[in-house]
Amino acid sequence: MILYYLKLVGQFFQDMKHQKLRTFLTILGIMWGTVAVVLLLSFGLGMQKFVDKQMHGMGTNLVMFGGRRTTLAYRGLPKGRWIGLREEDAALLKERIPEIQFISPENLLQVRIDFQRAYRLANCSGSYPEYGVARNLFPEPGGRYIDRLDQDNKRRTVFIGNQLRDQIFSPGGKAVGRVILLNGIPFTVVGVMQDKIQGNRYMAADGESAFIAFSTFRETFGRRYVGRIICQPSDPLQVDRMKSEIYRVLGAKYKFDPADKEALWMWDTTEGDKFTRYFFLGFQVFLALGGALTLLVGGIGVANIMYVVVRERRRELGIKAALGATPNMILMQFLLETLLIVLFGGAAGFAFSYGVIRVFQSPMLEQATRYIGKPVLDPVVVLVSISLLGLIGFAAGWAPARRAANMDPVQALEF
């Protein structure tokens, strides 16, 4: 049986030589459809990963909130009361809500930063040391973020963004160990942030900001209330429960109704993650359908050529049937020829697509892909493409193969 199918493959190549142009155009149609599927899915996946990276530049699974005015009366207290959060609220929430993995108060102030003759206006953030990890503020080699000793001893140390370093000193210049003035007060630079992609600028781009210990901020600039508190759940699936508990605990302390969602403003970054995930799922399905339709056109071309082949080889089919070839053998012969055409077209399409993807991943197109992301030939993309190729190839060959298998030998020999 194996020898029989090997002979069929050899016969297929002989038929290709006799019908070079027709076979080439058919394979070209499959190749173009494969290219459409692979490149559309690869660019779509690359864009999704790029957007995810942008969104997570400021941190992952973060919830930020601050005080506002109540809109509901509560236990005899009128509505319209201002809720002012304090530093100790962060410790209270951490103690009462086990779902919280990290929490830090944060205050923000625009300051003038001076170094020798250079100066710059920039946002200065005061927070706890754990804030750096939660917000992806990773230092360049040779430096560090604000640590616990800075917080406990109210040290005048500052961590600055890489873009702010370039503006104050020089692009890529040495900053660690130097002293800069924040509103005329000397601070020692202990670290510079690694360059990162940040789609959401938060209050300002992290690369253009300065960060100091919360205790130092309070001591230096003085703030009675906390501008915001930022926290991160230990399990992203528990974020809704964590938010409900925040309203309950703070509602009990500040005497407002936990159902009064206007008493606190709250920004949950996981909601943006959910939207992005579902948006790109639909986007990828749309791209896959577009590529599949293009591949379907190539499949129609394969079906047409196989119908022609069946018609041209009726006498051959009649002789094979007369010599004992079963309908299943004839069916498998034409299915095999169809799948070989699809295989060659698909392989050529994959090779071309891989070349295009490699070009877009090369350094020479770094700027072009900086804002759209680089295409990714993911195993999922390969699996979807191969599945579509197999499905369309089988569908294109089944009807002509069935026609050949059901052909009457006597009528075929009379043709």
Protein backbone atom coordinates (compact mmCIF):
# COMPACT_ATOMS: atom_id res chain seq x y z
CA MET A 1 0.00 0.00 0.00
CA ILE A 2 2.85 2.39 0.83
CA LEU A 3 4.47 1.64 -2.53
CA TYR A 4 1.17 2.42 -4.23
CA TYR A 5 0.96 5.87 -2.66
CA LEU A 6 4.61 6.57 -3.44
CA LYS A 7 3.84 5.86 -7.08
CA LEU A 8 0.90 8.26 -6.84
CA VAL A 9 3.26 10.97 -5.59
CA GLY A 10 5.59 10.29 -8.52
CA GLN A 11 2.67 10.49 -10.91
CA PHE A 12 1.60 13.77 -9.30
CA PHE A 13 5.00 15.33 -10.08
CA GLN A 14 4.75 14.13 -13.69
CA ASP A 15 1.33 15.72 -14.03
CA MET A 16 2.73 18.96 -12.61
CA LYS A 17 5.35 19.02 -15.36
CA HIS A 18 2.66 18.75 -18.02
CA GLN A 19 0.54 21.50 -16.45
CA LYS A 20 3.22 23.84 -15.13
CA LEU A 21 1.41 27.16 -15.48
CA ARG A 22 -1.90 25.91 -14.12
CA THR A 23 -0.25 24.20 -11.17
CA PHE A 24 1.96 27.22 -10.45
CA LEU A 25 -1.01 29.59 -10.37
CA THR A 26 -2.95 27.24 -8.10
CA ILE A 27 -0.04 26.90 -5.68
CA LEU A 28 0.42 30.68 -5.81
CA GLY A 29 -3.19 31.15 -4.72
CA ILE A 30 -2.68 28.87 -1.70
CA MET A 31 0.62 30.59 -0.93
CA TRP A 32 -0.99 34.04 -0.97
CA GLY A 33 -3.84 32.85 1.27
CA THR A 34 -1.33 31.37 3.72
CA VAL A 35 0.65 34.61 3.76
CA ALA A 36 -2.54 36.53 4.51
CA VAL A 37 -3.45 34.27 7.44
CA VAL A 38 0.04 34.10 8.97
CA LEU A 39 0.92 37.79 8.60
CA LEU A 40 -2.46 39.10 9.74
CA LEU A 41 -2.39 36.93 12.86
CA SER A 42 1.31 37.63 13.53
CA PHE A 43 0.91 41.40 13.26
CA GLY A 44 -2.27 41.27 15.34
CA LEU A 45 -0.55 39.26 18.07
CA GLY A 46 2.49 41.54 17.97
CA MET A 47 0.25 44.59 18.36
CA GLN A 48 -1.55 42.96 21.30
CA LYS A 49 1.71 42.23 23.12
CA PHE A 50 2.91 45.77 22.40
CA VAL A 51 -0.28 47.29 23.85
CA ASP A 52 -0.06 44.99 26.89
CA LYS A 53 3.53 46.09 27.46
CA GLN A 54 2.51 49.74 27.14
CA MET A 55 -0.38 49.36 29.58
CA HIS A 56 1.74 47.47 32.10
CA GLY A 57 4.58 49.97 31.91
CA MET A 58 3.08 51.73 34.93
CA GLY A 59 2.51 48.44 36.77
CA THR A 60 0.29 45.35 36.75
CA ASN A 61 -3.03 44.82 38.55
CA LEU A 62 -2.89 48.15 40.38
CA VAL A 63 -5.78 49.88 42.17
CA MET A 64 -5.47 53.56 43.04
CA PHE A 65 -7.94 55.58 45.07
CA GLY A 66 -8.33 58.82 46.96
CA GLY A 67 -10.88 60.82 48.90
CA ARG A 68 -13.84 62.73 47.42
CA ARG A 69 -17.16 64.08 48.70
CA THR A 70 -19.94 61.81 49.91
CA THR A 71 -23.17 61.73 47.95
CA LEU A 72 -25.25 59.80 50.49
CA ALA A 73 -26.32 60.73 54.02
CA TYR A 74 -25.12 58.19 56.58
CA ARG A 75 -26.22 57.66 60.20
CA GLY A 76 -27.43 61.22 60.62
CA LEU A 77 -24.42 62.75 58.86
CA PRO A 78 -25.17 64.89 55.79
CA LYS A 79 -23.95 64.20 52.29
CA GLY A 80 -21.29 66.39 50.71
CA ARG A 81 -18.64 65.71 53.38
CA TRP A 82 -15.01 65.59 52.19
CA ILE A 83 -13.12 62.34 52.87
CA GLY A 84 -9.45 63.12 53.48
CA LEU A 85 -7.19 60.06 53.56
CA ARG A 86 -4.09 59.87 55.77
CA GLU A 87 -0.91 57.82 55.78
CA GLU A 88 -2.11 55.54 58.57
CA ASP A 89 -5.01 54.42 56.38
CA ALA A 90 -2.56 52.38 54.30
CA ALA A 91 -1.47 50.42 57.39
CA LEU A 92 -5.10 49.98 58.48
CA LEU A 93 -6.13 48.57 55.11
CA LYS A 94 -3.10 46.27 54.96
CA GLU A 95 -4.01 44.91 58.39
CA ARG A 96 -7.74 44.46 57.74
CA ILE A 97 -7.73 43.22 54.12
CA PRO A 98 -5.74 40.01 53.51
CA GLU A 99 -6.23 40.30 49.73
CA ILE A 100 -3.82 43.26 49.64
CA GLN A 101 -0.25 42.26 48.73
CA PHE A 102 1.23 45.75 48.49
CA ILE A 103 -0.02 49.16 49.56
CA SER A 104 1.54 52.61 49.73
CA PRO A 105 0.34 56.17 50.23
CA GLU A 106 1.52 58.63 47.61
CA ASN A 107 1.76 62.38 47.38
CA LEU A 108 2.73 64.31 44.28
CA LEU A 109 4.13 67.80 43.80
CA GLN A 110 5.60 69.64 40.85
CA VAL A 111 9.05 70.88 41.84
CA ARG A 112 11.91 72.79 40.26
CA ILE A 113 15.00 70.63 39.87
CA ASP A 114 18.36 72.41 39.60
CA PHE A 115 21.82 71.12 38.79
CA GLN A 116 24.50 73.74 38.19
CA ARG A 117 23.02 75.91 35.40
CA ALA A 118 20.44 73.37 34.25
CA TYR A 119 16.95 73.30 35.70
CA ARG A 120 13.69 71.54 34.98
CA LEU A 121 10.12 71.45 36.28
CA ALA A 122 9.10 67.87 37.06
CA ASN A 123 6.69 65.85 39.17
CA CYS A 124 8.11 64.57 42.46
CA SER A 125 6.38 61.56 44.03
CA GLY A 126 6.68 60.49 47.67
CA SER A 127 5.86 56.85 48.47
CA TYR A 128 7.02 53.69 50.24
CA PRO A 129 9.99 51.64 48.92
CA GLU A 130 7.71 48.82 47.65
CA TYR A 131 6.16 51.32 45.28
CA GLY A 132 9.12 50.93 42.91
CA VAL A 133 8.49 47.22 42.28
CA ALA A 134 4.73 47.66 41.91
CA ARG A 135 5.19 50.50 39.41
CA ASN A 136 8.01 48.82 37.44
CA LEU A 137 10.53 51.50 38.42
CA PHE A 138 13.64 49.39 37.97
CA PRO A 139 17.06 51.05 38.33
CA GLU A 140 19.86 51.03 35.80
CA PRO A 141 23.00 49.09 36.83
CA GLY A 142 24.97 50.95 39.49
CA GLY A 143 21.95 52.52 41.14
CA ARG A 144 18.96 51.61 43.31
CA TYR A 145 15.45 52.68 44.16
CA ILE A 146 14.45 54.28 47.45
CA ASP A 147 14.87 51.71 50.24
CA ARG A 148 13.60 51.16 53.78
CA LEU A 149 16.52 53.04 55.39
CA ASP A 150 15.64 56.09 53.29
CA GLN A 151 12.06 55.84 54.53
CA ASP A 152 12.89 55.21 58.20
CA ASN A 153 15.59 57.90 58.43
CA LYS A 154 13.88 60.48 56.19
CA ARG A 155 16.94 60.64 53.97
CA ARG A 156 17.16 63.22 51.22
CA THR A 157 17.74 60.72 48.45
CA VAL A 158 16.03 60.77 45.07
CA PHE A 159 15.43 58.29 42.27
CA ILE A 160 14.97 59.94 38.86
CA GLY A 161 13.62 58.90 35.47
CA ASN A 162 16.03 58.29 32.61
CA GLN A 163 14.57 61.12 30.50
CA LEU A 164 14.86 63.52 33.42
CA ARG A 165 18.51 62.46 33.82
CA ASP A 166 19.13 63.22 30.13
CA GLN A 167 17.54 66.66 30.51
CA ILE A 168 19.39 67.68 33.68
CA PHE A 169 22.79 66.15 33.06
CA SER A 170 23.46 64.78 29.58
CA PRO A 171 22.04 61.88 27.53
CA GLY A 172 23.27 58.76 29.29
CA GLY A 173 25.41 60.86 31.63
CA LYS A 174 26.46 59.94 35.16
CA ALA A 175 23.83 60.89 37.73
CA VAL A 176 24.21 58.48 40.68
CA GLY A 177 25.98 60.18 43.59
CA ARG A 178 25.41 63.71 42.33
CA VAL A 179 23.46 66.27 44.32
CA ILE A 180 20.51 68.10 42.78
CA LEU A 181 18.16 70.70 44.26
CA LEU A 182 14.44 70.07 44.61
CA ASN A 183 12.84 73.47 45.24
CA GLY A 184 16.24 74.58 46.51
CA ILE A 185 16.70 71.61 48.89
CA PRO A 186 19.68 69.28 48.21
CA PHE A 187 18.97 65.64 47.38
CA THR A 188 21.44 62.91 46.41
CA VAL A 189 20.62 60.86 43.31
CA VAL A 190 20.74 57.14 44.21
CA GLY A 191 19.38 55.65 41.00
CA VAL A 192 18.14 56.23 37.47
CA MET A 193 15.18 54.33 36.01
CA GLN A 194 15.71 51.88 33.19
CA ASP A 195 14.09 52.91 29.93
CA LYS A 196 10.62 51.41 29.55
CA ILE A 197 7.52 51.69 27.38
CA GLN A 198 4.70 53.43 29.23
CA GLY A 199 1.45 53.89 27.33
CA ASN A 200 -0.45 55.23 30.33
CA ARG A 201 1.39 58.26 31.69
CA TYR A 202 -0.24 58.01 35.15
CA MET A 203 0.26 61.56 36.52
CA ALA A 204 3.27 62.07 34.25
CA ALA A 205 5.69 59.89 32.35
CA ASP A 206 7.85 58.00 34.85
CA GLY A 207 10.91 58.75 32.74
CA GLU A 208 10.41 62.48 33.40
CA SER A 209 9.65 62.23 37.14
CA ALA A 210 11.52 62.09 40.46
CA PHE A 211 10.76 59.76 43.40
CA ILE A 212 11.60 60.17 47.07
CA ALA A 213 10.65 58.41 50.32
CA PHE A 214 7.19 59.23 51.65
CA SER A 215 8.58 60.26 55.05
CA THR A 216 11.05 62.61 53.35
CA PHE A 217 8.27 64.11 51.23
CA ARG A 218 6.16 64.76 54.34
CA GLU A 219 9.11 66.24 56.22
CA THR A 220 10.29 68.40 53.32
CA PHE A 221 7.11 69.61 51.66
CA GLY A 222 4.49 68.96 54.35
CA ARG A 223 1.13 67.42 53.53
CA ARG A 224 -1.66 66.77 56.00
CA TYR A 225 -3.61 64.46 53.73
CA VAL A 226 -2.61 61.76 51.25
CA GLY A 227 -3.29 62.45 47.60
CA ARG A 228 -3.86 58.81 46.77
CA ILE A 229 -3.21 55.30 47.98
CA ILE A 230 -1.99 52.66 45.56
CA CYS A 231 -2.36 48.93 46.20
CA GLN A 232 -1.96 45.61 44.45
CA PRO A 233 -3.91 42.39 45.15
CA SER A 234 -2.11 39.10 45.84
CA ASP A 235 -4.55 37.47 43.40
CA PRO A 236 -5.99 39.46 40.45
CA LEU A 237 -9.20 37.39 40.73
CA GLN A 238 -9.78 38.91 44.19
CA VAL A 239 -9.58 42.53 43.05
CA ASP A 240 -13.36 43.10 43.23
CA ARG A 241 -13.50 41.77 46.79
CA MET A 242 -10.48 43.90 47.70
CA LYS A 243 -12.20 47.04 46.40
CA SER A 244 -15.39 46.26 48.32
CA GLU A 245 -13.37 45.77 51.49
CA ILE A 246 -11.62 49.12 50.98
CA TYR A 247 -15.01 50.88 50.93
CA ARG A 248 -16.14 48.90 53.98
CA VAL A 249 -13.04 49.57 56.12
CA LEU A 250 -12.71 53.25 55.21
CA GLY A 251 -16.49 53.70 55.45
CA ALA A 252 -16.39 52.47 59.04
CA LYS A 253 -13.51 54.83 59.90
CA TYR A 254 -14.74 57.98 58.15
CA LYS A 255 -18.47 57.34 58.68
CA PHE A 256 -19.71 57.08 55.11
CA ASP A 257 -21.93 54.50 53.44
CA PRO A 258 -19.83 51.69 51.83
CA ALA A 259 -22.35 51.74 48.98
CA ASP A 260 -21.47 55.39 48.28
CA LYS A 261 -18.97 54.83 45.45
CA GLU A 262 -18.50 58.60 45.02
CA ALA A 263 -16.96 58.93 48.48
CA LEU A 264 -13.72 57.61 46.97
CA TRP A 265 -12.42 57.94 43.45
CA MET A 266 -10.94 54.64 42.31
CA TRP A 267 -8.93 53.55 39.28
CA ASP A 268 -8.70 49.80 38.69
CA THR A 269 -6.15 49.00 35.98
CA THR A 270 -7.40 45.38 35.74
CA GLU A 271 -10.56 46.70 34.07
CA GLY A 272 -8.41 48.08 31.26
CA ASP A 273 -6.68 44.69 31.00
CA LYS A 274 -10.04 42.95 30.61
CA PHE A 275 -11.14 45.36 27.87
CA THR A 276 -7.86 44.95 26.02
CA ARG A 277 -7.99 41.16 26.28
CA TYR A 278 -11.51 40.90 24.87
CA PHE A 279 -10.89 43.59 22.25
CA PHE A 280 -7.86 41.82 20.85
CA LEU A 281 -9.61 38.45 21.01
CA GLY A 282 -12.29 39.86 18.70
CA PHE A 283 -9.64 41.60 16.62
CA GLN A 284 -7.69 38.36 16.15
CA VAL A 285 -10.87 36.49 15.17
CA PHE A 286 -11.62 39.22 12.62
CA LEU A 287 -8.09 38.99 11.18
CA ALA A 288 -8.29 35.19 11.09
CA LEU A 289 -11.58 35.37 9.18
CA GLY A 290 -10.09 37.86 6.71
CA GLY A 291 -7.11 35.61 6.11
CA ALA A 292 -9.32 32.51 5.93
CA LEU A 293 -11.46 34.11 3.20
CA THR A 294 -8.31 34.87 1.21
CA LEU A 295 -7.17 31.28 1.69
CA LEU A 296 -10.63 30.08 0.70
CA VAL A 297 -10.22 31.78 -2.69
CA GLY A 298 -7.05 29.74 -3.16
CA GLY A 299 -8.97 26.63 -2.10
CA ILE A 300 -11.59 27.30 -4.77
CA GLY A 301 -8.78 27.45 -7.30
CA VAL A 302 -7.53 24.06 -6.10
CA ALA A 303 -11.03 22.59 -6.38
CA ASN A 304 -11.37 23.92 -9.93
CA ILE A 305 -8.08 22.43 -11.07
CA MET A 306 -8.96 19.08 -9.51
CA TYR A 307 -12.30 19.02 -11.36
CA VAL A 308 -10.37 19.63 -14.59
CA VAL A 309 -7.90 16.88 -13.70
CA VAL A 310 -10.72 14.42 -13.04
CA ARG A 311 -12.29 15.25 -16.41
CA GLU A 312 -9.00 14.91 -18.29
CA ARG A 313 -8.15 11.59 -16.65
CA ARG A 314 -11.50 9.83 -17.03
CA ARG A 315 -10.04 7.14 -19.30
CA GLU A 316 -7.21 6.53 -16.82
CA LEU A 317 -9.73 6.19 -14.01
CA GLY A 318 -11.81 3.75 -16.03
CA ILE A 319 -8.77 1.55 -16.71
CA LYS A 320 -7.80 1.59 -13.01
CA ALA A 321 -11.32 0.64 -11.99
CA ALA A 322 -11.41 -2.15 -14.57
CA LEU A 323 -8.10 -3.51 -13.22
CA GLY A 324 -9.47 -3.67 -9.69
CA ALA A 325 -8.87 -0.23 -8.14
CA THR A 326 -11.49 0.36 -5.46
CA PRO A 327 -13.41 3.65 -5.13
CA ASN A 328 -11.55 4.33 -1.87
CA MET A 329 -8.18 3.98 -3.61
CA ILE A 330 -9.24 6.45 -6.32
CA LEU A 331 -10.68 8.76 -3.65
CA MET A 332 -7.42 8.74 -1.70
CA GLN A 333 -5.41 9.34 -4.89
CA PHE A 334 -7.14 12.64 -5.63
CA LEU A 335 -7.24 13.72 -2.01
CA LEU A 336 -3.50 13.09 -1.83
CA GLU A 337 -2.87 15.19 -4.95
CA THR A 338 -5.01 18.01 -3.55
CA LEU A 339 -3.22 17.97 -0.21
CA LEU A 340 0.17 17.98 -1.96
CA ILE A 341 -0.78 21.15 -3.84
CA VAL A 342 -1.95 22.73 -0.58
CA LEU A 343 1.21 21.53 1.18
CA PHE A 344 3.54 23.14 -1.39
CA GLY A 345 1.54 26.37 -1.39
CA GLY A 346 1.36 26.44 2.40
CA ALA A 347 5.10 25.76 2.80
CA ALA A 348 5.93 28.54 0.36
CA GLY A 349 3.53 30.86 2.20
CA PHE A 350 5.08 30.06 5.58
CA ALA A 351 8.58 30.62 4.21
CA PHE A 352 7.63 34.00 2.72
CA SER A 353 5.79 35.05 5.90
CA TYR A 354 8.73 34.06 8.08
CA GLY A 355 11.02 36.20 5.93
CA VAL A 356 8.71 39.21 6.24
CA ILE A 357 8.46 38.76 10.03
CA ARG A 358 12.25 38.52 10.35
CA VAL A 359 12.62 41.76 8.38
CA PHE A 360 10.19 43.58 10.70
CA GLN A 361 12.02 42.20 13.74
CA SER A 362 15.39 43.44 12.47
CA PRO A 363 17.08 46.56 13.93
CA MET A 364 16.70 48.49 10.67
CA LEU A 365 12.92 48.70 11.22
CA GLU A 366 13.17 49.42 14.95
CA GLN A 367 11.64 52.88 14.59
CA ALA A 368 8.84 51.64 12.32
CA THR A 369 7.76 49.01 14.86
CA ARG A 370 8.22 51.22 17.92
CA TYR A 371 4.59 52.36 17.81
CA ILE A 372 2.84 49.23 16.45
CA GLY A 373 4.88 46.37 17.89
CA LYS A 374 6.76 43.61 16.13
CA PRO A 375 4.96 40.68 14.46
CA VAL A 376 5.23 37.41 16.36
CA LEU A 377 5.17 33.93 14.78
CA ASP A 378 3.58 32.32 17.80
CA PRO A 379 2.79 28.55 18.03
CA VAL A 380 -0.89 29.49 18.19
CA VAL A 381 -0.55 31.36 14.87
CA VAL A 382 1.17 28.34 13.31
CA LEU A 383 -1.48 25.95 14.66
CA VAL A 384 -4.38 28.10 13.40
CA SER A 385 -2.75 28.50 9.97
CA ILE A 386 -2.06 24.78 9.58
CA SER A 387 -5.59 23.94 10.72
CA LEU A 388 -7.09 26.31 8.15
CA LEU A 389 -4.82 24.92 5.43
CA GLY A 390 -5.78 21.35 6.24
CA LEU A 391 -9.49 22.15 6.44
CA ILE A 392 -9.61 24.11 3.19
CA GLY A 393 -7.37 21.60 1.41
CA PHE A 394 -9.63 18.72 2.44
CA ALA A 395 -12.77 20.65 1.48
CA ALA A 396 -11.26 21.60 -1.90
CA GLY A 397 -10.32 18.04 -2.76
CA TRP A 398 -13.24 16.09 -1.35
CA ALA A 399 -15.88 16.85 -3.98
CA PRO A 400 -13.61 16.22 -7.04
CA ALA A 401 -12.23 13.09 -5.38
CA ARG A 402 -15.73 11.77 -4.65
CA ARG A 403 -16.71 12.42 -8.26
CA ALA A 404 -13.70 10.47 -9.48
CA ALA A 405 -14.35 7.59 -7.06
CA ASN A 406 -18.03 7.27 -8.07
CA MET A 407 -17.36 7.38 -11.80
CA ASP A 408 -18.80 4.48 -13.84
CA PRO A 409 -15.83 2.56 -15.39
CA VAL A 410 -17.75 1.78 -18.61
CA GLN A 411 -18.71 5.42 -19.18
CA ALA A 412 -15.17 6.50 -18.32
CA LEU A 413 -13.68 4.15 -20.96
CA GLU A 414 -16.13 5.42 -23.56
CA PHE A 415 -15.06 9.04 -22.99
